[in-house]
Amino acid sequence: SPSQWQRLWVAPDRDSYKQNLAASLFADVLQ
C-alpha cells in the first residue's frame, strides 16, 4: 500500500521493516 511504501523510506531500520512487511503480506503462506 502507499502508506506502507512511504513508511519504508522513513523507517529507522529499513531491512527490519522489510522483513516485518513481508511477514505481514505473506502471513498465510508462513502459517
PDB file of all heavy atoms in Angstrom:
ATOM      1  N   SER A   1       0.846  -1.206   0.000  1.00  0.00           N
ATOM      2  CA  SER A   1       0.000   0.000   0.000  1.00  0.00           C
ATOM      3  C   SER A   1       0.877   1.249   0.000  1.00  0.00           C
ATOM      4  O   SER A   1       2.052   1.188   0.398  1.00  0.00           O
ATOM      5  CB  SER A   1      -0.910  -0.013   1.235  1.00  0.00           C
ATOM      6  OG  SER A   1      -0.134   0.096   2.409  1.00  0.00           O
ATOM      7  N   PRO A   2       0.324   2.390  -0.463  1.00  0.00           N
ATOM      8  CA  PRO A   2       1.103   3.641  -0.487  1.00  0.00           C
ATOM      9  C   PRO A   2       1.638   4.007   0.895  1.00  0.00           C
ATOM     10  O   PRO A   2       2.782   4.474   1.026  1.00  0.00           O
ATOM     11  CB  PRO A   2       0.091   4.665  -0.983  1.00  0.00           C
ATOM     12  CG  PRO A   2      -0.857   3.876  -1.817  1.00  0.00           C
ATOM     13  CD  PRO A   2      -0.981   2.570  -1.115  1.00  0.00           C
ATOM     14  N   SER A   3       0.842   3.801   1.937  1.00  0.00           N
ATOM     15  CA  SER A   3       1.306   4.153   3.288  1.00  0.00           C
ATOM     16  C   SER A   3       2.461   3.259   3.704  1.00  0.00           C
ATOM     17  O   SER A   3       3.425   3.702   4.329  1.00  0.00           O
ATOM     18  CB  SER A   3       0.152   4.030   4.281  1.00  0.00           C
ATOM     19  OG  SER A   3      -0.367   2.688   4.288  1.00  0.00           O
ATOM     20  N   GLN A   4       2.381   1.940   3.371  1.00  0.00           N
ATOM     21  CA  GLN A   4       3.474   1.020   3.703  1.00  0.00           C
ATOM     22  C   GLN A   4       4.743   1.410   2.930  1.00  0.00           C
ATOM     23  O   GLN A   4       5.847   1.310   3.467  1.00  0.00           O
ATOM     24  CB  GLN A   4       3.055  -0.429   3.373  1.00  0.00           C
ATOM     25  CG  GLN A   4       1.962  -0.976   4.268  1.00  0.00           C
ATOM     26  CD  GLN A   4       1.464  -2.326   3.787  1.00  0.00           C
ATOM     27  OE1 GLN A   4       1.585  -2.654   2.595  1.00  0.00           O
ATOM     28  NE2 GLN A   4       0.896  -3.098   4.719  1.00  0.00           N
ATOM     29  N   TRP A   5       4.533   1.831   1.688  1.00  0.00           N
ATOM     30  CA  TRP A   5       5.688   2.257   0.853  1.00  0.00           C
ATOM     31  C   TRP A   5       6.346   3.493   1.435  1.00  0.00           C
ATOM     32  O   TRP A   5       7.574   3.564   1.505  1.00  0.00           O
ATOM     33  CB  TRP A   5       5.195   2.497  -0.571  1.00  0.00           C
ATOM     34  CG  TRP A   5       6.245   3.039  -1.510  1.00  0.00           C
ATOM     35  CD1 TRP A   5       6.444   4.349  -1.846  1.00  0.00           C
ATOM     36  CD2 TRP A   5       7.251   2.312  -2.177  1.00  0.00           C
ATOM     37  NE1 TRP A   5       7.503   4.497  -2.704  1.00  0.00           N
ATOM     38  CE2 TRP A   5       8.033   3.211  -2.924  1.00  0.00           C
ATOM     39  CE3 TRP A   5       7.577   0.944  -2.231  1.00  0.00           C
ATOM     40  CZ2 TRP A   5       9.112   2.822  -3.712  1.00  0.00           C
ATOM     41  CZ3 TRP A   5       8.649   0.583  -3.042  1.00  0.00           C
ATOM     42  CH2 TRP A   5       9.409   1.493  -3.756  1.00  0.00           C
ATOM     43  N   GLN A   6       5.558   4.404   1.900  1.00  0.00           N
ATOM     44  CA  GLN A   6       6.107   5.633   2.475  1.00  0.00           C
ATOM     45  C   GLN A   6       6.845   5.359   3.780  1.00  0.00           C
ATOM     46  O   GLN A   6       7.903   5.915   4.056  1.00  0.00           O
ATOM     47  CB  GLN A   6       4.979   6.639   2.702  1.00  0.00           C
ATOM     48  CG  GLN A   6       4.369   7.195   1.411  1.00  0.00           C
ATOM     49  CD  GLN A   6       3.206   8.097   1.662  1.00  0.00           C
ATOM     50  OE1 GLN A   6       2.815   8.331   2.812  1.00  0.00           O
ATOM     51  NE2 GLN A   6       2.636   8.653   0.563  1.00  0.00           N
ATOM     52  N   ARG A   7       6.249   4.462   4.641  1.00  0.00           N
ATOM     53  CA  ARG A   7       6.892   4.165   5.934  1.00  0.00           C
ATOM     54  C   ARG A   7       8.229   3.459   5.721  1.00  0.00           C
ATOM     55  O   ARG A   7       9.125   3.553   6.551  1.00  0.00           O
ATOM     56  CB  ARG A   7       5.960   3.298   6.805  1.00  0.00           C
ATOM     57  CG  ARG A   7       4.840   4.130   7.458  1.00  0.00           C
ATOM     58  CD  ARG A   7       4.199   3.342   8.593  1.00  0.00           C
ATOM     59  NE  ARG A   7       3.495   2.151   8.129  1.00  0.00           N
ATOM     60  CZ  ARG A   7       2.220   2.160   7.769  1.00  0.00           C
ATOM     61  NH1 ARG A   7       1.526   3.304   7.821  1.00  0.00           N
ATOM     62  NH2 ARG A   7       1.650   1.053   7.355  1.00  0.00           N
ATOM     63  N   LEU A   8       8.348   2.762   4.593  1.00  0.00           N
ATOM     64  CA  LEU A   8       9.606   2.085   4.300  1.00  0.00           C
ATOM     65  C   LEU A   8      10.756   3.087   4.228  1.00  0.00           C
ATOM     66  O   LEU A   8      11.847   2.850   4.743  1.00  0.00           O
ATOM     67  CB  LEU A   8       9.489   1.303   2.993  1.00  0.00           C
ATOM     68  CG  LEU A   8      10.793   0.723   2.410  1.00  0.00           C
ATOM     69  CD1 LEU A   8      11.383  -0.317   3.357  1.00  0.00           C
ATOM     70  CD2 LEU A   8      10.523   0.101   1.034  1.00  0.00           C
ATOM     71  N   TRP A   9      10.506   4.221   3.615  1.00  0.00           N
ATOM     72  CA  TRP A   9      11.584   5.168   3.377  1.00  0.00           C
ATOM     73  C   TRP A   9      11.904   6.019   4.598  1.00  0.00           C
ATOM     74  O   TRP A   9      12.967   6.619   4.681  1.00  0.00           O
ATOM     75  CB  TRP A   9      11.231   6.070   2.178  1.00  0.00           C
ATOM     76  CG  TRP A   9      11.038   5.263   0.927  1.00  0.00           C
ATOM     77  CD1 TRP A   9       9.889   4.931   0.322  1.00  0.00           C
ATOM     78  CD2 TRP A   9      12.079   4.677   0.182  1.00  0.00           C
ATOM     79  NE1 TRP A   9      10.101   4.158  -0.800  1.00  0.00           N
ATOM     80  CE2 TRP A   9      11.490   3.971  -0.902  1.00  0.00           C
ATOM     81  CE3 TRP A   9      13.493   4.639   0.285  1.00  0.00           C
ATOM     82  CZ2 TRP A   9      12.223   3.258  -1.857  1.00  0.00           C
ATOM     83  CZ3 TRP A   9      14.198   3.933  -0.696  1.00  0.00           C
ATOM     84  CH2 TRP A   9      13.563   3.239  -1.726  1.00  0.00           C
ATOM     85  N   VAL A  10      10.992   6.010   5.553  1.00  0.00           N
ATOM     86  CA  VAL A  10      11.275   6.793   6.756  1.00  0.00           C
ATOM     87  C   VAL A  10      11.611   5.901   7.957  1.00  0.00           C
ATOM     88  O   VAL A  10      11.859   6.396   9.057  1.00  0.00           O
ATOM     89  CB  VAL A  10      10.070   7.697   7.110  1.00  0.00           C
ATOM     90  CG1 VAL A  10       9.831   8.727   6.001  1.00  0.00           C
ATOM     91  CG2 VAL A  10       8.814   6.897   7.369  1.00  0.00           C
ATOM     92  N   ALA A  11      11.598   4.580   7.732  1.00  0.00           N
ATOM     93  CA  ALA A  11      11.868   3.650   8.839  1.00  0.00           C
ATOM     94  C   ALA A  11      13.323   3.756   9.258  1.00  0.00           C
ATOM     95  O   ALA A  11      14.211   3.859   8.408  1.00  0.00           O
ATOM     96  CB  ALA A  11      11.553   2.225   8.407  1.00  0.00           C
ATOM     97  N   PRO A  12      13.612   3.792  10.584  1.00  0.00           N
ATOM     98  CA  PRO A  12      14.998   3.849  11.076  1.00  0.00           C
ATOM     99  C   PRO A  12      15.807   2.645  10.602  1.00  0.00           C
ATOM    100  O   PRO A  12      16.971   2.765  10.268  1.00  0.00           O
ATOM    101  CB  PRO A  12      14.838   3.841  12.601  1.00  0.00           C
ATOM    102  CG  PRO A  12      13.436   4.291  12.852  1.00  0.00           C
ATOM    103  CD  PRO A  12      12.635   3.791  11.688  1.00  0.00           C
ATOM    104  N   ASP A  13      15.179   1.435  10.626  1.00  0.00           N
ATOM    105  CA  ASP A  13      15.870   0.220  10.189  1.00  0.00           C
ATOM    106  C   ASP A  13      15.092  -0.340   9.008  1.00  0.00           C
ATOM    107  O   ASP A  13      14.096  -1.036   9.168  1.00  0.00           O
ATOM    108  CB  ASP A  13      15.937  -0.822  11.328  1.00  0.00           C
ATOM    109  CG  ASP A  13      16.813  -2.014  10.974  1.00  0.00           C
ATOM    110  OD1 ASP A  13      17.159  -2.169   9.783  1.00  0.00           O
ATOM    111  OD2 ASP A  13      17.133  -2.827  11.884  1.00  0.00           O
ATOM    112  N   ARG A  14      15.560   0.000   7.829  1.00  0.00           N
ATOM    113  CA  ARG A  14      14.818  -0.339   6.632  1.00  0.00           C
ATOM    114  C   ARG A  14      14.734  -1.875   6.420  1.00  0.00           C
ATOM    115  O   ARG A  14      13.691  -2.396   6.025  1.00  0.00           O
ATOM    116  CB  ARG A  14      15.453   0.350   5.428  1.00  0.00           C
ATOM    117  CG  ARG A  14      14.610   0.314   4.157  1.00  0.00           C
ATOM    118  CD  ARG A  14      15.236   1.169   3.077  1.00  0.00           C
ATOM    119  NE  ARG A  14      15.268   2.566   3.497  1.00  0.00           N
ATOM    120  CZ  ARG A  14      15.818   3.554   2.774  1.00  0.00           C
ATOM    121  NH1 ARG A  14      16.418   3.242   1.621  1.00  0.00           N
ATOM    122  NH2 ARG A  14      15.794   4.797   3.199  1.00  0.00           N
ATOM    123  N   ASP A  15      15.804  -2.594   6.665  1.00  0.00           N
ATOM    124  CA  ASP A  15      15.814  -4.055   6.471  1.00  0.00           C
ATOM    125  C   ASP A  15      14.829  -4.762   7.405  1.00  0.00           C
ATOM    126  O   ASP A  15      14.102  -5.684   7.014  1.00  0.00           O
ATOM    127  CB  ASP A  15      17.217  -4.611   6.690  1.00  0.00           C
ATOM    128  CG  ASP A  15      18.181  -4.171   5.591  1.00  0.00           C
ATOM    129  OD1 ASP A  15      17.682  -3.885   4.479  1.00  0.00           O
ATOM    130  OD2 ASP A  15      19.393  -4.153   5.847  1.00  0.00           O
ATOM    131  N   SER A  16      14.811  -4.294   8.678  1.00  0.00           N
ATOM    132  CA  SER A  16      13.892  -4.890   9.643  1.00  0.00           C
ATOM    133  C   SER A  16      12.444  -4.631   9.237  1.00  0.00           C
ATOM    134  O   SER A  16      11.575  -5.507   9.357  1.00  0.00           O
ATOM    135  CB  SER A  16      14.161  -4.304  11.036  1.00  0.00           C
ATOM    136  OG  SER A  16      13.247  -4.809  11.979  1.00  0.00           O
ATOM    137  N   TYR A  17      12.207  -3.405   8.712  1.00  0.00           N
ATOM    138  CA  TYR A  17      10.849  -3.066   8.274  1.00  0.00           C
ATOM    139  C   TYR A  17      10.433  -3.947   7.102  1.00  0.00           C
ATOM    140  O   TYR A  17       9.290  -4.407   7.025  1.00  0.00           O
ATOM    141  CB  TYR A  17      10.777  -1.592   7.889  1.00  0.00           C
ATOM    142  CG  TYR A  17       9.394  -1.164   7.447  1.00  0.00           C
ATOM    143  CD1 TYR A  17       8.404  -0.873   8.402  1.00  0.00           C
ATOM    144  CD2 TYR A  17       9.080  -1.087   6.081  1.00  0.00           C
ATOM    145  CE1 TYR A  17       7.134  -0.508   7.973  1.00  0.00           C
ATOM    146  CE2 TYR A  17       7.808  -0.731   5.678  1.00  0.00           C
ATOM    147  CZ  TYR A  17       6.839  -0.437   6.631  1.00  0.00           C
ATOM    148  OH  TYR A  17       5.557  -0.103   6.224  1.00  0.00           O
ATOM    149  N   LYS A  18      11.382  -4.199   6.166  1.00  0.00           N
ATOM    150  CA  LYS A  18      11.072  -5.049   5.023  1.00  0.00           C
ATOM    151  C   LYS A  18      10.672  -6.467   5.480  1.00  0.00           C
ATOM    152  O   LYS A  18       9.745  -7.065   4.953  1.00  0.00           O
ATOM    153  CB  LYS A  18      12.274  -5.128   4.085  1.00  0.00           C
ATOM    154  CG  LYS A  18      12.522  -3.858   3.262  1.00  0.00           C
ATOM    155  CD  LYS A  18      13.727  -4.073   2.360  1.00  0.00           C
ATOM    156  CE  LYS A  18      13.997  -2.817   1.528  1.00  0.00           C
ATOM    157  NZ  LYS A  18      15.163  -3.008   0.636  1.00  0.00           N
ATOM    158  N   GLN A  19      11.399  -6.984   6.466  1.00  0.00           N
ATOM    159  CA  GLN A  19      11.095  -8.323   6.967  1.00  0.00           C
ATOM    160  C   GLN A  19       9.703  -8.389   7.604  1.00  0.00           C
ATOM    161  O   GLN A  19       8.930  -9.316   7.356  1.00  0.00           O
ATOM    162  CB  GLN A  19      12.154  -8.762   7.996  1.00  0.00           C
ATOM    163  CG  GLN A  19      13.527  -9.021   7.374  1.00  0.00           C
ATOM    164  CD  GLN A  19      14.563  -9.408   8.419  1.00  0.00           C
ATOM    165  OE1 GLN A  19      14.272  -9.416   9.621  1.00  0.00           O
ATOM    166  NE2 GLN A  19      15.767  -9.715   7.958  1.00  0.00           N
ATOM    167  N   ASN A  20       9.393  -7.382   8.412  1.00  0.00           N
ATOM    168  CA  ASN A  20       8.071  -7.337   9.047  1.00  0.00           C
ATOM    169  C   ASN A  20       6.972  -7.183   7.999  1.00  0.00           C
ATOM    170  O   ASN A  20       5.902  -7.778   8.114  1.00  0.00           O
ATOM    171  CB  ASN A  20       7.996  -6.188  10.041  1.00  0.00           C
ATOM    172  CG  ASN A  20       8.901  -6.422  11.258  1.00  0.00           C
ATOM    173  OD1 ASN A  20       9.154  -7.570  11.623  1.00  0.00           O
ATOM    174  ND2 ASN A  20       9.383  -5.343  11.868  1.00  0.00           N
ATOM    175  N   LEU A  21       7.254  -6.354   6.960  1.00  0.00           N
ATOM    176  CA  LEU A  21       6.281  -6.139   5.910  1.00  0.00           C
ATOM    177  C   LEU A  21       6.023  -7.427   5.139  1.00  0.00           C
ATOM    178  O   LEU A  21       4.874  -7.793   4.867  1.00  0.00           O
ATOM    179  CB  LEU A  21       6.784  -5.049   4.948  1.00  0.00           C
ATOM    180  CG  LEU A  21       5.883  -4.710   3.771  1.00  0.00           C
ATOM    181  CD1 LEU A  21       4.514  -4.221   4.259  1.00  0.00           C
ATOM    182  CD2 LEU A  21       6.546  -3.662   2.874  1.00  0.00           C
ATOM    183  N   ALA A  22       7.110  -8.134   4.808  1.00  0.00           N
ATOM    184  CA  ALA A  22       6.971  -9.392   4.080  1.00  0.00           C
ATOM    185  C   ALA A  22       6.215 -10.415   4.929  1.00  0.00           C
ATOM    186  O   ALA A  22       5.360 -11.166   4.432  1.00  0.00           O
ATOM    187  CB  ALA A  22       8.340  -9.928   3.702  1.00  0.00           C
ATOM    188  N   ALA A  23       6.515 -10.471   6.240  1.00  0.00           N
ATOM    189  CA  ALA A  23       5.821 -11.410   7.135  1.00  0.00           C
ATOM    190  C   ALA A  23       4.340 -11.112   7.192  1.00  0.00           C
ATOM    191  O   ALA A  23       3.509 -12.026   7.265  1.00  0.00           O
ATOM    192  CB  ALA A  23       6.445 -11.336   8.533  1.00  0.00           C
ATOM    193  N   SER A  24       4.001  -9.840   7.146  1.00  0.00           N
ATOM    194  CA  SER A  24       2.589  -9.446   7.185  1.00  0.00           C
ATOM    195  C   SER A  24       1.886  -9.798   5.887  1.00  0.00           C
ATOM    196  O   SER A  24       0.768 -10.319   5.887  1.00  0.00           O
ATOM    197  CB  SER A  24       2.481  -7.945   7.451  1.00  0.00           C
ATOM    198  OG  SER A  24       1.139  -7.519   7.383  1.00  0.00           O
ATOM    199  N   LEU A  25       2.566  -9.515   4.737  1.00  0.00           N
ATOM    200  CA  LEU A  25       1.952  -9.767   3.451  1.00  0.00           C
ATOM    201  C   LEU A  25       1.831 -11.270   3.133  1.00  0.00           C
ATOM    202  O   LEU A  25       0.877 -11.698   2.476  1.00  0.00           O
ATOM    203  CB  LEU A  25       2.749  -9.060   2.350  1.00  0.00           C
ATOM    204  CG  LEU A  25       2.759  -7.517   2.402  1.00  0.00           C
ATOM    205  CD1 LEU A  25       3.698  -6.954   1.345  1.00  0.00           C
ATOM    206  CD2 LEU A  25       1.347  -6.976   2.188  1.00  0.00           C
ATOM    207  N   PHE A  26       2.782 -12.045   3.571  1.00  0.00           N
ATOM    208  CA  PHE A  26       2.780 -13.489   3.280  1.00  0.00           C
ATOM    209  C   PHE A  26       2.462 -14.326   4.533  1.00  0.00           C
ATOM    210  O   PHE A  26       2.931 -15.464   4.698  1.00  0.00           O
ATOM    211  CB  PHE A  26       4.142 -13.905   2.710  1.00  0.00           C
ATOM    212  CG  PHE A  26       4.456 -13.291   1.380  1.00  0.00           C
ATOM    213  CD1 PHE A  26       5.203 -12.117   1.292  1.00  0.00           C
ATOM    214  CD2 PHE A  26       3.979 -13.871   0.197  1.00  0.00           C
ATOM    215  CE1 PHE A  26       5.476 -11.541   0.055  1.00  0.00           C
ATOM    216  CE2 PHE A  26       4.267 -13.273  -1.028  1.00  0.00           C
ATOM    217  CZ  PHE A  26       5.000 -12.121  -1.105  1.00  0.00           C
ATOM    218  N   ALA A  27       1.662 -13.749   5.411  1.00  0.00           N
ATOM    219  CA  ALA A  27       1.335 -14.431   6.677  1.00  0.00           C
ATOM    220  C   ALA A  27       0.648 -15.778   6.439  1.00  0.00           C
ATOM    221  O   ALA A  27       0.904 -16.764   7.138  1.00  0.00           O
ATOM    222  CB  ALA A  27       0.452 -13.529   7.534  1.00  0.00           C
ATOM    223  N   ASP A  28      -0.253 -15.841   5.435  1.00  0.00           N
ATOM    224  CA  ASP A  28      -0.968 -17.086   5.182  1.00  0.00           C
ATOM    225  C   ASP A  28      -0.034 -18.207   4.742  1.00  0.00           C
ATOM    226  O   ASP A  28      -0.182 -19.377   5.124  1.00  0.00           O
ATOM    227  CB  ASP A  28      -2.051 -16.876   4.142  1.00  0.00           C
ATOM    228  CG  ASP A  28      -1.483 -16.329   2.836  1.00  0.00           C
ATOM    229  OD1 ASP A  28      -0.443 -15.628   2.894  1.00  0.00           O
ATOM    230  OD2 ASP A  28      -2.070 -16.621   1.783  1.00  0.00           O
ATOM    231  N   VAL A  29       0.968 -17.858   3.937  1.00  0.00           N
ATOM    232  CA  VAL A  29       1.927 -18.859   3.472  1.00  0.00           C
ATOM    233  C   VAL A  29       2.778 -19.360   4.623  1.00  0.00           C
ATOM    234  O   VAL A  29       3.039 -20.565   4.777  1.00  0.00           O
ATOM    235  CB  VAL A  29       2.815 -18.272   2.352  1.00  0.00           C
ATOM    236  CG1 VAL A  29       3.860 -19.308   1.894  1.00  0.00           C
ATOM    237  CG2 VAL A  29       1.959 -17.814   1.182  1.00  0.00           C
ATOM    238  N   LEU A  30       3.238 -18.383   5.436  1.00  0.00           N
ATOM    239  CA  LEU A  30       4.056 -18.768   6.591  1.00  0.00           C
ATOM    240  C   LEU A  30       3.264 -19.651   7.568  1.00  0.00           C
ATOM    241  O   LEU A  30       3.794 -20.616   8.123  1.00  0.00           O
ATOM    242  CB  LEU A  30       4.563 -17.511   7.304  1.00  0.00           C
ATOM    243  CG  LEU A  30       5.555 -16.639   6.506  1.00  0.00           C
ATOM    244  CD1 LEU A  30       5.848 -15.331   7.256  1.00  0.00           C
ATOM    245  CD2 LEU A  30       6.844 -17.403   6.256  1.00  0.00           C
ATOM    246  N   GLN A  31       1.955 -19.308   7.750  1.00  0.00           N
ATOM    247  CA  GLN A  31       1.113 -20.080   8.666  1.00  0.00           C
ATOM    248  C   GLN A  31       0.924 -21.511   8.154  1.00  0.00           C
ATOM    249  O   GLN A  31       0.957 -22.472   8.906  1.00  0.00           O
ATOM    250  CB  GLN A  31      -0.256 -19.396   8.822  1.00  0.00           C
ATOM    251  CG  GLN A  31      -1.198 -20.114   9.797  1.00  0.00           C
ATOM    252  CD  GLN A  31      -0.655 -20.092  11.222  1.00  0.00           C
ATOM    253  OE1 GLN A  31      -0.016 -19.114  11.626  1.00  0.00           O
ATOM    254  NE2 GLN A  31      -0.916 -21.164  11.971  1.00  0.00           N
TER     255      GLN A  31
END
